[in-house]
Amino acid sequence: LDPHPLMQACDRIRDVGLPELGVKLDDREGGALWKLSTPEELRREAQREAEAKAKKEEQKRREKEEAARKAAEKEALAKVPPNELFKQGEYAGLYSKYDEDGLPTHDKDGEELAKAQRKKLAKTQAAQKKEHDKFLAKAAADQLGKTTI
């Protein structure tokens, strides 16, 4: 005997039938608490709960979209070779000269970059190299998976 239909009927009585009669059941440990109120008040309360639930679901949806957008941006950035990083995207136009590894040596006005700034850019480039290498490894693994099918 499947208890699922019985549980659904009980839920409908608790959530729809009893509130129409002005009765609210709150589940508690060891039983339920019965509250008497007006049907109108219970409808307003149910409406507030439904709105709060919808708002929470919308927030979750937005957070999920934002996470997907950030992941897509991260993946797109990982495709950029480290020696090209400072020549495009957010760095485009900021630098005028680069060393053999693509690391900026001069700003857009032709002024040589400070040692600390070059060090910071080298650290950014090293992180980009790491991400790009991961991307290349994943792409190679994906390609290998496609050719073996």
N, C-alpha and C. Protein backbone atom coordinates (compact mmCIF):
# COMPACT_ATOMS: atom_id res chain seq x y z
N LEU A 1 0.85 -1.19 0.00
CA LEU A 1 0.00 0.00 0.00
C LEU A 1 0.88 1.24 0.00
N ASP A 2 0.70 2.10 -0.96
CA ASP A 2 1.51 3.31 -1.12
C ASP A 2 0.94 4.43 -0.23
N PRO A 3 1.73 4.94 0.73
CA PRO A 3 1.24 5.99 1.62
C PRO A 3 1.27 7.38 0.99
N HIS A 4 1.88 7.53 -0.18
CA HIS A 4 2.05 8.84 -0.81
C HIS A 4 0.72 9.58 -1.06
N PRO A 5 -0.28 8.94 -1.66
CA PRO A 5 -1.56 9.65 -1.89
C PRO A 5 -2.22 10.10 -0.58
N LEU A 6 -2.13 9.29 0.46
CA LEU A 6 -2.70 9.66 1.75
C LEU A 6 -1.99 10.89 2.31
N MET A 7 -0.67 10.92 2.20
CA MET A 7 0.10 12.06 2.72
C MET A 7 -0.24 13.33 1.93
N GLN A 8 -0.42 13.21 0.62
CA GLN A 8 -0.80 14.36 -0.20
C GLN A 8 -2.17 14.89 0.21
N ALA A 9 -3.12 13.98 0.48
CA ALA A 9 -4.46 14.40 0.91
C ALA A 9 -4.38 15.12 2.26
N CYS A 10 -3.56 14.60 3.18
CA CYS A 10 -3.39 15.26 4.48
C CYS A 10 -2.79 16.65 4.31
N ASP A 11 -1.82 16.78 3.42
CA ASP A 11 -1.20 18.09 3.16
C ASP A 11 -2.23 19.08 2.60
N ARG A 12 -3.07 18.61 1.68
CA ARG A 12 -4.10 19.49 1.11
C ARG A 12 -5.07 19.95 2.20
N ILE A 13 -5.46 19.05 3.08
CA ILE A 13 -6.37 19.43 4.17
C ILE A 13 -5.70 20.48 5.06
N ARG A 14 -4.41 20.24 5.41
CA ARG A 14 -3.69 21.17 6.28
C ARG A 14 -3.49 22.52 5.60
N ASP A 15 -3.11 22.52 4.30
CA ASP A 15 -2.73 23.75 3.63
C ASP A 15 -3.89 24.51 2.99
N VAL A 16 -4.99 23.80 2.66
CA VAL A 16 -6.09 24.45 1.96
C VAL A 16 -7.40 24.39 2.76
N GLY A 17 -7.80 23.19 3.12
CA GLY A 17 -9.11 23.01 3.76
C GLY A 17 -9.23 23.67 5.12
N LEU A 18 -8.32 23.39 6.03
CA LEU A 18 -8.41 23.97 7.38
C LEU A 18 -8.27 25.49 7.39
N PRO A 19 -7.35 26.09 6.61
CA PRO A 19 -7.28 27.55 6.61
C PRO A 19 -8.57 28.22 6.14
N GLU A 20 -9.30 27.57 5.24
CA GLU A 20 -10.59 28.12 4.81
C GLU A 20 -11.60 28.14 5.95
N LEU A 21 -11.37 27.31 6.96
CA LEU A 21 -12.24 27.27 8.14
C LEU A 21 -11.68 28.11 9.29
N GLY A 22 -10.51 28.75 9.07
CA GLY A 22 -9.91 29.58 10.11
C GLY A 22 -9.02 28.79 11.05
N VAL A 23 -8.52 27.64 10.63
CA VAL A 23 -7.67 26.79 11.48
C VAL A 23 -6.30 26.65 10.82
N LYS A 24 -5.27 26.85 11.61
CA LYS A 24 -3.91 26.67 11.12
C LYS A 24 -3.22 25.63 11.98
N LEU A 25 -2.55 24.69 11.32
CA LEU A 25 -1.78 23.67 12.04
C LEU A 25 -0.30 23.98 11.88
N ASP A 26 0.40 24.08 13.02
CA ASP A 26 1.86 24.23 12.99
C ASP A 26 2.46 22.93 13.48
N ASP A 27 3.29 22.34 12.64
CA ASP A 27 3.94 21.09 13.03
C ASP A 27 4.95 21.37 14.13
N ARG A 28 4.88 20.59 15.17
CA ARG A 28 5.81 20.70 16.30
C ARG A 28 6.34 19.33 16.63
N GLU A 29 7.42 19.32 17.36
CA GLU A 29 7.96 18.05 17.81
C GLU A 29 6.97 17.43 18.79
N GLY A 30 6.58 16.22 18.54
CA GLY A 30 5.65 15.53 19.42
C GLY A 30 4.19 15.82 19.12
N GLY A 31 3.89 16.49 17.99
CA GLY A 31 2.49 16.75 17.65
C GLY A 31 2.35 18.00 16.83
N ALA A 32 1.16 18.58 16.86
CA ALA A 32 0.88 19.79 16.10
C ALA A 32 0.21 20.80 16.99
N LEU A 33 0.43 22.08 16.70
CA LEU A 33 -0.21 23.16 17.43
C LEU A 33 -1.35 23.70 16.57
N TRP A 34 -2.54 23.72 17.11
CA TRP A 34 -3.71 24.21 16.40
C TRP A 34 -3.90 25.67 16.76
N LYS A 35 -4.03 26.53 15.73
CA LYS A 35 -4.26 27.95 15.96
C LYS A 35 -5.57 28.34 15.28
N LEU A 36 -6.38 29.10 15.98
CA LEU A 36 -7.63 29.58 15.40
C LEU A 36 -7.45 31.04 15.00
N SER A 37 -7.96 31.37 13.82
CA SER A 37 -7.84 32.72 13.29
C SER A 37 -8.99 32.91 12.30
N THR A 38 -8.97 34.05 11.64
CA THR A 38 -10.00 34.26 10.60
C THR A 38 -9.44 33.72 9.28
N PRO A 39 -10.32 33.24 8.42
CA PRO A 39 -9.85 32.76 7.11
C PRO A 39 -9.11 33.85 6.31
N GLU A 40 -9.55 35.11 6.44
CA GLU A 40 -8.90 36.21 5.72
C GLU A 40 -7.47 36.39 6.18
N GLU A 41 -7.26 36.35 7.49
CA GLU A 41 -5.91 36.50 8.04
C GLU A 41 -5.01 35.36 7.57
N LEU A 42 -5.53 34.15 7.55
CA LEU A 42 -4.75 33.00 7.10
C LEU A 42 -4.43 33.10 5.60
N ARG A 43 -5.36 33.65 4.81
CA ARG A 43 -5.09 33.84 3.38
C ARG A 43 -3.97 34.87 3.18
N ARG A 44 -4.03 35.97 3.96
CA ARG A 44 -2.98 36.99 3.87
C ARG A 44 -1.62 36.40 4.26
N GLU A 45 -1.62 35.60 5.31
CA GLU A 45 -0.39 34.96 5.77
C GLU A 45 0.16 34.01 4.70
N ALA A 46 -0.74 33.24 4.09
CA ALA A 46 -0.32 32.32 3.03
C ALA A 46 0.24 33.11 1.84
N GLN A 47 -0.39 34.25 1.54
CA GLN A 47 0.08 35.10 0.44
C GLN A 47 1.47 35.65 0.74
N ARG A 48 1.69 36.10 1.97
CA ARG A 48 3.01 36.62 2.36
C ARG A 48 4.06 35.52 2.26
N GLU A 49 3.71 34.31 2.71
CA GLU A 49 4.65 33.19 2.64
C GLU A 49 4.97 32.83 1.19
N ALA A 50 3.94 32.87 0.33
CA ALA A 50 4.15 32.56 -1.09
C ALA A 50 5.05 33.62 -1.73
N GLU A 51 4.83 34.90 -1.38
CA GLU A 51 5.66 35.97 -1.93
C GLU A 51 7.11 35.84 -1.45
N ALA A 52 7.30 35.50 -0.18
CA ALA A 52 8.64 35.33 0.36
C ALA A 52 9.35 34.16 -0.34
N LYS A 53 8.61 33.09 -0.56
CA LYS A 53 9.18 31.93 -1.25
C LYS A 53 9.57 32.29 -2.68
N ALA A 54 8.69 33.02 -3.37
CA ALA A 54 8.98 33.42 -4.75
C ALA A 54 10.19 34.35 -4.80
N LYS A 55 10.29 35.24 -3.83
CA LYS A 55 11.42 36.17 -3.77
C LYS A 55 12.72 35.40 -3.54
N LYS A 56 12.67 34.41 -2.65
CA LYS A 56 13.85 33.59 -2.37
C LYS A 56 14.27 32.79 -3.61
N GLU A 57 13.30 32.23 -4.31
CA GLU A 57 13.59 31.47 -5.53
C GLU A 57 14.18 32.36 -6.61
N GLU A 58 13.66 33.59 -6.72
CA GLU A 58 14.19 34.55 -7.70
C GLU A 58 15.64 34.92 -7.35
N GLN A 59 15.92 35.10 -6.06
CA GLN A 59 17.28 35.41 -5.62
C GLN A 59 18.21 34.24 -5.96
N LYS A 60 17.76 33.01 -5.72
CA LYS A 60 18.56 31.83 -6.06
C LYS A 60 18.83 31.77 -7.56
N ARG A 61 17.80 32.07 -8.36
CA ARG A 61 17.94 32.05 -9.81
C ARG A 61 18.97 33.09 -10.24
N ARG A 62 18.90 34.30 -9.67
CA ARG A 62 19.85 35.35 -10.02
C ARG A 62 21.27 34.95 -9.62
N GLU A 63 21.42 34.36 -8.44
CA GLU A 63 22.75 33.93 -7.99
C GLU A 63 23.31 32.85 -8.91
N LYS A 64 22.44 31.94 -9.35
CA LYS A 64 22.86 30.87 -10.26
C LYS A 64 23.29 31.46 -11.60
N GLU A 65 22.52 32.43 -12.12
CA GLU A 65 22.87 33.09 -13.37
C GLU A 65 24.21 33.82 -13.24
N GLU A 66 24.40 34.51 -12.11
CA GLU A 66 25.64 35.24 -11.86
C GLU A 66 26.83 34.28 -11.80
N ALA A 67 26.65 33.15 -11.14
CA ALA A 67 27.72 32.15 -11.06
C ALA A 67 28.04 31.60 -12.44
N ALA A 68 27.02 31.36 -13.25
CA ALA A 68 27.23 30.86 -14.61
C ALA A 68 27.94 31.91 -15.46
N ARG A 69 27.56 33.17 -15.29
CA ARG A 69 28.20 34.25 -16.04
C ARG A 69 29.68 34.36 -15.66
N LYS A 70 29.96 34.30 -14.35
CA LYS A 70 31.36 34.38 -13.90
C LYS A 70 32.17 33.19 -14.40
N ALA A 71 31.56 32.01 -14.39
CA ALA A 71 32.26 30.82 -14.88
C ALA A 71 32.56 30.96 -16.37
N ALA A 72 31.62 31.52 -17.13
CA ALA A 72 31.83 31.72 -18.57
C ALA A 72 32.94 32.75 -18.80
N GLU A 73 32.95 33.82 -18.00
CA GLU A 73 34.00 34.83 -18.12
C GLU A 73 35.36 34.22 -17.79
N LYS A 74 35.40 33.41 -16.73
CA LYS A 74 36.65 32.78 -16.33
C LYS A 74 37.15 31.84 -17.42
N GLU A 75 36.23 31.08 -18.02
CA GLU A 75 36.61 30.16 -19.09
C GLU A 75 37.10 30.93 -20.31
N ALA A 76 36.42 32.04 -20.65
CA ALA A 76 36.84 32.84 -21.79
C ALA A 76 38.24 33.43 -21.54
N LEU A 77 38.48 33.88 -20.33
CA LEU A 77 39.79 34.45 -19.99
C LEU A 77 40.87 33.36 -20.02
N ALA A 78 40.52 32.15 -19.62
CA ALA A 78 41.49 31.05 -19.61
C ALA A 78 41.95 30.70 -21.02
N LYS A 79 41.16 31.02 -22.02
CA LYS A 79 41.53 30.74 -23.42
C LYS A 79 42.65 31.66 -23.92
N VAL A 80 42.85 32.80 -23.24
CA VAL A 80 43.83 33.79 -23.67
C VAL A 80 45.24 33.32 -23.28
N PRO A 81 46.15 33.23 -24.25
CA PRO A 81 47.53 32.86 -23.91
C PRO A 81 48.15 33.93 -23.01
N PRO A 82 48.99 33.54 -22.05
CA PRO A 82 49.56 34.51 -21.12
C PRO A 82 50.34 35.64 -21.80
N ASN A 83 51.00 35.34 -22.94
CA ASN A 83 51.77 36.39 -23.60
C ASN A 83 50.88 37.40 -24.34
N GLU A 84 49.58 37.12 -24.43
CA GLU A 84 48.64 38.04 -25.06
C GLU A 84 47.74 38.74 -24.04
N LEU A 85 47.82 38.36 -22.79
CA LEU A 85 46.91 38.85 -21.75
C LEU A 85 46.85 40.37 -21.68
N PHE A 86 48.01 41.02 -21.67
CA PHE A 86 48.05 42.47 -21.46
C PHE A 86 47.86 43.28 -22.73
N LYS A 87 47.55 42.60 -23.82
CA LYS A 87 47.35 43.29 -25.10
C LYS A 87 45.88 43.37 -25.49
N GLN A 88 45.00 42.79 -24.69
CA GLN A 88 43.58 42.76 -25.04
C GLN A 88 42.72 42.84 -23.79
N GLY A 89 41.40 42.87 -24.00
CA GLY A 89 40.46 42.89 -22.88
C GLY A 89 40.60 44.13 -22.02
N GLU A 90 40.57 43.93 -20.73
CA GLU A 90 40.63 45.06 -19.80
C GLU A 90 41.97 45.80 -19.83
N TYR A 91 43.00 45.15 -20.37
CA TYR A 91 44.34 45.75 -20.43
C TYR A 91 44.63 46.45 -21.76
N ALA A 92 43.73 46.33 -22.72
CA ALA A 92 43.95 46.89 -24.05
C ALA A 92 44.19 48.40 -23.95
N GLY A 93 45.27 48.85 -24.58
CA GLY A 93 45.56 50.27 -24.62
C GLY A 93 46.27 50.83 -23.40
N LEU A 94 46.53 50.01 -22.39
CA LEU A 94 47.17 50.52 -21.18
C LEU A 94 48.70 50.53 -21.28
N TYR A 95 49.23 49.71 -22.20
CA TYR A 95 50.69 49.57 -22.29
C TYR A 95 51.14 49.73 -23.74
N SER A 96 52.37 50.23 -23.89
CA SER A 96 52.88 50.47 -25.25
C SER A 96 54.00 49.52 -25.67
N LYS A 97 54.77 49.00 -24.70
CA LYS A 97 55.87 48.10 -25.03
C LYS A 97 55.81 46.89 -24.12
N TYR A 98 56.28 45.75 -24.69
CA TYR A 98 56.23 44.48 -23.96
C TYR A 98 57.57 43.77 -24.12
N ASP A 99 57.91 42.90 -23.15
CA ASP A 99 59.12 42.09 -23.30
C ASP A 99 58.79 40.86 -24.14
N GLU A 100 59.75 39.95 -24.29
CA GLU A 100 59.56 38.77 -25.15
C GLU A 100 58.48 37.82 -24.63
N ASP A 101 58.14 37.92 -23.33
CA ASP A 101 57.10 37.06 -22.76
C ASP A 101 55.71 37.70 -22.78
N GLY A 102 55.64 38.92 -23.34
CA GLY A 102 54.36 39.62 -23.40
C GLY A 102 54.07 40.42 -22.15
N LEU A 103 55.05 40.58 -21.28
CA LEU A 103 54.88 41.35 -20.05
C LEU A 103 55.12 42.83 -20.35
N PRO A 104 54.21 43.71 -19.95
CA PRO A 104 54.38 45.14 -20.24
C PRO A 104 55.64 45.72 -19.59
N THR A 105 56.32 46.58 -20.34
CA THR A 105 57.50 47.26 -19.80
C THR A 105 57.29 48.77 -19.75
N HIS A 106 56.37 49.28 -20.60
CA HIS A 106 56.11 50.72 -20.66
C HIS A 106 54.61 50.97 -20.69
N ASP A 107 54.18 52.06 -20.06
CA ASP A 107 52.76 52.40 -20.07
C ASP A 107 52.38 53.02 -21.41
N LYS A 108 51.13 53.41 -21.55
CA LYS A 108 50.63 53.91 -22.83
C LYS A 108 51.32 55.21 -23.25
N ASP A 109 51.86 55.95 -22.28
CA ASP A 109 52.55 57.21 -22.59
C ASP A 109 54.03 57.00 -22.88
N GLY A 110 54.50 55.75 -22.86
CA GLY A 110 55.89 55.44 -23.14
C GLY A 110 56.79 55.48 -21.92
N GLU A 111 56.21 55.71 -20.74
CA GLU A 111 56.99 55.74 -19.50
C GLU A 111 57.25 54.31 -19.05
N GLU A 112 58.49 54.05 -18.60
CA GLU A 112 58.83 52.71 -18.11
C GLU A 112 58.05 52.42 -16.83
N LEU A 113 57.56 51.20 -16.71
CA LEU A 113 56.79 50.81 -15.52
C LEU A 113 57.72 50.62 -14.32
N ALA A 114 57.20 50.93 -13.15
CA ALA A 114 57.95 50.75 -11.91
C ALA A 114 58.17 49.26 -11.68
N LYS A 115 59.25 48.95 -10.97
CA LYS A 115 59.61 47.55 -10.71
C LYS A 115 58.47 46.83 -9.97
N ALA A 116 57.87 47.49 -9.00
CA ALA A 116 56.77 46.89 -8.23
C ALA A 116 55.57 46.60 -9.13
N GLN A 117 55.30 47.52 -10.05
CA GLN A 117 54.17 47.30 -10.96
C GLN A 117 54.46 46.14 -11.92
N ARG A 118 55.70 46.06 -12.41
CA ARG A 118 56.07 44.94 -13.29
C ARG A 118 55.97 43.61 -12.54
N LYS A 119 56.36 43.64 -11.27
CA LYS A 119 56.29 42.43 -10.45
C LYS A 119 54.83 41.99 -10.28
N LYS A 120 53.96 42.96 -10.05
CA LYS A 120 52.52 42.65 -9.89
C LYS A 120 51.96 42.09 -11.19
N LEU A 121 52.35 42.68 -12.32
CA LEU A 121 51.88 42.19 -13.61
C LEU A 121 52.42 40.79 -13.90
N ALA A 122 53.66 40.53 -13.49
CA ALA A 122 54.25 39.20 -13.68
C ALA A 122 53.47 38.16 -12.87
N LYS A 123 53.05 38.54 -11.68
CA LYS A 123 52.27 37.63 -10.84
C LYS A 123 50.92 37.34 -11.51
N THR A 124 50.29 38.38 -12.07
CA THR A 124 49.03 38.21 -12.79
C THR A 124 49.22 37.31 -14.00
N GLN A 125 50.33 37.51 -14.71
CA GLN A 125 50.62 36.69 -15.88
C GLN A 125 50.88 35.23 -15.50
N ALA A 126 51.55 35.02 -14.37
CA ALA A 126 51.80 33.64 -13.91
C ALA A 126 50.49 32.94 -13.58
N ALA A 127 49.58 33.67 -12.94
CA ALA A 127 48.26 33.09 -12.64
C ALA A 127 47.52 32.78 -13.94
N GLN A 128 47.64 33.67 -14.94
CA GLN A 128 47.00 33.44 -16.23
C GLN A 128 47.59 32.21 -16.91
N LYS A 129 48.90 32.04 -16.80
CA LYS A 129 49.56 30.87 -17.40
C LYS A 129 49.01 29.60 -16.79
N LYS A 130 48.83 29.61 -15.48
CA LYS A 130 48.29 28.44 -14.78
C LYS A 130 46.88 28.12 -15.29
N GLU A 131 46.03 29.14 -15.37
CA GLU A 131 44.66 28.94 -15.85
C GLU A 131 44.64 28.50 -17.32
N HIS A 132 45.52 29.10 -18.13
CA HIS A 132 45.58 28.75 -19.55
C HIS A 132 46.05 27.31 -19.72
N ASP A 133 47.03 26.90 -18.92
CA ASP A 133 47.50 25.51 -18.99
C ASP A 133 46.39 24.53 -18.61
N LYS A 134 45.59 24.89 -17.61
CA LYS A 134 44.44 24.04 -17.23
C LYS A 134 43.46 23.95 -18.41
N PHE A 135 43.21 25.09 -19.04
CA PHE A 135 42.30 25.13 -20.19
C PHE A 135 42.82 24.22 -21.31
N LEU A 136 44.13 24.34 -21.61
CA LEU A 136 44.71 23.52 -22.68
C LEU A 136 44.64 22.03 -22.34
N ALA A 137 44.89 21.69 -21.09
CA ALA A 137 44.81 20.28 -20.67
C ALA A 137 43.39 19.76 -20.80
N LYS A 138 42.43 20.58 -20.39
CA LYS A 138 41.02 20.18 -20.49
C LYS A 138 40.61 20.03 -21.95
N ALA A 139 41.05 20.97 -22.79
CA ALA A 139 40.71 20.91 -24.22
C ALA A 139 41.33 19.66 -24.85
N ALA A 140 42.55 19.35 -24.46
CA ALA A 140 43.20 18.15 -25.00
C ALA A 140 42.48 16.89 -24.54
N ALA A 141 42.07 16.87 -23.28
CA ALA A 141 41.33 15.72 -22.76
C ALA A 141 39.98 15.58 -23.46
N ASP A 142 39.32 16.71 -23.69
CA ASP A 142 38.04 16.68 -24.39
C ASP A 142 38.23 16.17 -25.82
N GLN A 143 39.27 16.64 -26.47
CA GLN A 143 39.55 16.22 -27.85
C GLN A 143 39.87 14.73 -27.89
N LEU A 144 40.63 14.27 -26.92
CA LEU A 144 40.97 12.86 -26.84
C LEU A 144 39.71 12.02 -26.63
N GLY A 145 38.81 12.51 -25.79
CA GLY A 145 37.55 11.81 -25.53
C GLY A 145 36.69 11.73 -26.77
N LYS A 146 36.72 12.77 -27.60
CA LYS A 146 35.90 12.79 -28.82
C LYS A 146 36.46 11.85 -29.88
N THR A 147 37.79 11.73 -29.93
CA THR A 147 38.38 10.89 -30.97
C THR A 147 38.28 9.41 -30.66
N THR A 148 38.10 9.06 -29.39
CA THR A 148 38.02 7.64 -29.02
C THR A 148 36.61 7.08 -29.10
N ILE A 149 35.65 7.91 -29.38
CA ILE A 149 34.26 7.44 -29.43
C ILE A 149 33.95 6.71 -30.67
